[in-house]
Amino acid sequence: MPQVNDEISQARDAILAGETALGIELGSTRIKAALIGPTRVPIATGSHAWSNRLVDRRWTYDLGSVVEGLQDCYAQLADDVTERYGIPLATVGAIGCS
């Protein structure tokens, strides 16, 4: 059991120091976010389901849906950090988007 506490402590320290990376994927059916720690293991996640629309014979996403989905996805990830580590997510070291 001490290993679990060490992993939680290391993740918490990385979050507080901003030594994390936030990865966001805008997938076809879901927006996903993962917060990665220094050990390159996900330490928190969030997601938002969405769907595309056929507009002028093209499959697309409404920009408002993108913004809403990103906000919801990030809020879930931030809540996951608070639940797991008892601290707010205030900063990240890097962000990548796919």
Protein backbone atom coordinates (compact mmCIF):
# COMPACT_ATOMS: atom_id res chain seq x y z
CA MET A 1 0.00 0.00 0.00
CA PRO A 2 2.84 2.52 0.55
CA GLN A 3 3.50 2.53 -3.21
CA VAL A 4 -0.03 3.85 -3.84
CA ASN A 5 0.48 6.67 -1.32
CA ASP A 6 3.85 7.50 -2.94
CA GLU A 7 2.21 7.66 -6.39
CA ILE A 8 -0.53 9.95 -5.08
CA SER A 9 2.03 12.15 -3.34
CA GLN A 10 4.20 12.35 -6.47
CA ALA A 11 1.20 13.21 -8.65
CA ARG A 12 0.03 15.84 -6.16
CA ASP A 13 3.51 17.41 -6.04
CA ALA A 14 3.68 17.46 -9.86
CA ILE A 15 0.26 19.15 -10.08
CA LEU A 16 1.23 21.81 -7.55
CA ALA A 17 4.54 22.46 -9.35
CA GLY A 18 2.92 22.63 -12.80
CA GLU A 19 5.01 19.66 -13.92
CA THR A 20 2.20 18.11 -15.92
CA ALA A 21 0.98 18.01 -19.49
CA LEU A 22 -2.64 18.35 -20.54
CA GLY A 23 -3.58 16.36 -23.62
CA ILE A 24 -6.87 17.10 -25.38
CA GLU A 25 -8.37 15.08 -28.21
CA LEU A 26 -11.31 16.32 -30.25
CA GLY A 27 -12.60 12.94 -31.37
CA SER A 28 -15.53 12.19 -33.61
CA THR A 29 -17.88 11.23 -30.76
CA ARG A 30 -16.10 12.49 -27.65
CA ILE A 31 -13.71 15.18 -26.46
CA LYS A 32 -11.17 13.63 -24.11
CA ALA A 33 -8.63 15.20 -21.77
CA ALA A 34 -5.83 13.57 -19.82
CA LEU A 35 -3.45 15.13 -17.34
CA ILE A 36 -0.08 13.40 -17.53
CA GLY A 37 2.52 13.48 -14.77
CA PRO A 38 6.31 13.24 -14.93
CA THR A 39 6.14 9.43 -15.09
CA ARG A 40 4.07 9.77 -18.31
CA VAL A 41 1.07 8.10 -16.70
CA PRO A 42 -2.39 9.70 -16.74
CA ILE A 43 -3.18 11.15 -13.31
CA ALA A 44 -6.61 12.65 -14.10
CA THR A 45 -9.11 12.56 -16.95
CA GLY A 46 -12.26 14.19 -18.27
CA SER A 47 -14.51 13.75 -21.29
CA HIS A 48 -17.53 15.16 -23.10
CA ALA A 49 -19.77 13.31 -25.55
CA TRP A 50 -20.76 15.16 -28.70
CA SER A 51 -21.84 14.51 -32.26
CA ASN A 52 -21.29 16.09 -35.63
CA ARG A 53 -23.99 17.52 -37.89
CA LEU A 54 -24.54 17.38 -41.62
CA VAL A 55 -24.50 20.98 -42.89
CA ASP A 56 -24.44 21.77 -46.60
CA ARG A 57 -23.55 18.13 -47.31
CA ARG A 58 -20.53 18.29 -44.95
CA TRP A 59 -20.09 16.68 -41.57
CA THR A 60 -19.10 19.41 -39.15
CA TYR A 61 -19.22 20.60 -35.55
CA ASP A 62 -20.75 23.87 -34.43
CA LEU A 63 -18.10 26.17 -32.91
CA GLY A 64 -20.33 26.74 -29.89
CA SER A 65 -20.41 22.97 -29.33
CA VAL A 66 -16.61 22.87 -29.46
CA VAL A 67 -16.30 25.58 -26.80
CA GLU A 68 -19.00 24.02 -24.60
CA GLY A 69 -17.43 20.57 -24.97
CA LEU A 70 -13.93 21.78 -24.12
CA GLN A 71 -15.23 23.63 -21.06
CA ASP A 72 -17.14 20.58 -19.82
CA CYS A 73 -14.25 18.23 -20.50
CA TYR A 74 -11.77 20.47 -18.65
CA ALA A 75 -14.19 20.94 -15.74
CA GLN A 76 -14.47 17.17 -15.37
CA LEU A 77 -10.69 16.83 -15.43
CA ALA A 78 -10.27 19.60 -12.83
CA ASP A 79 -12.92 17.93 -10.64
CA ASP A 80 -11.05 14.63 -11.00
CA VAL A 81 -7.86 16.32 -9.75
CA THR A 82 -9.69 17.76 -6.75
CA GLU A 83 -11.34 14.42 -5.92
CA ARG A 84 -8.15 12.35 -6.26
CA TYR A 85 -5.59 14.73 -4.77
CA GLY A 86 -7.55 17.22 -2.67
CA ILE A 87 -6.15 20.25 -4.49
CA PRO A 88 -7.40 22.51 -7.29
CA LEU A 89 -5.84 22.38 -10.73
CA ALA A 90 -4.33 25.84 -11.12
CA THR A 91 -1.70 25.37 -13.84
CA VAL A 92 -0.22 22.84 -16.24
CA GLY A 93 3.27 22.72 -17.70
CA ALA A 94 2.25 22.01 -21.29
CA ILE A 95 -0.83 21.53 -23.45
CA GLY A 96 -1.21 19.44 -26.57
CA CYS A 97 -4.27 19.12 -28.77
CA SER A 98 -5.21 16.54 -31.37
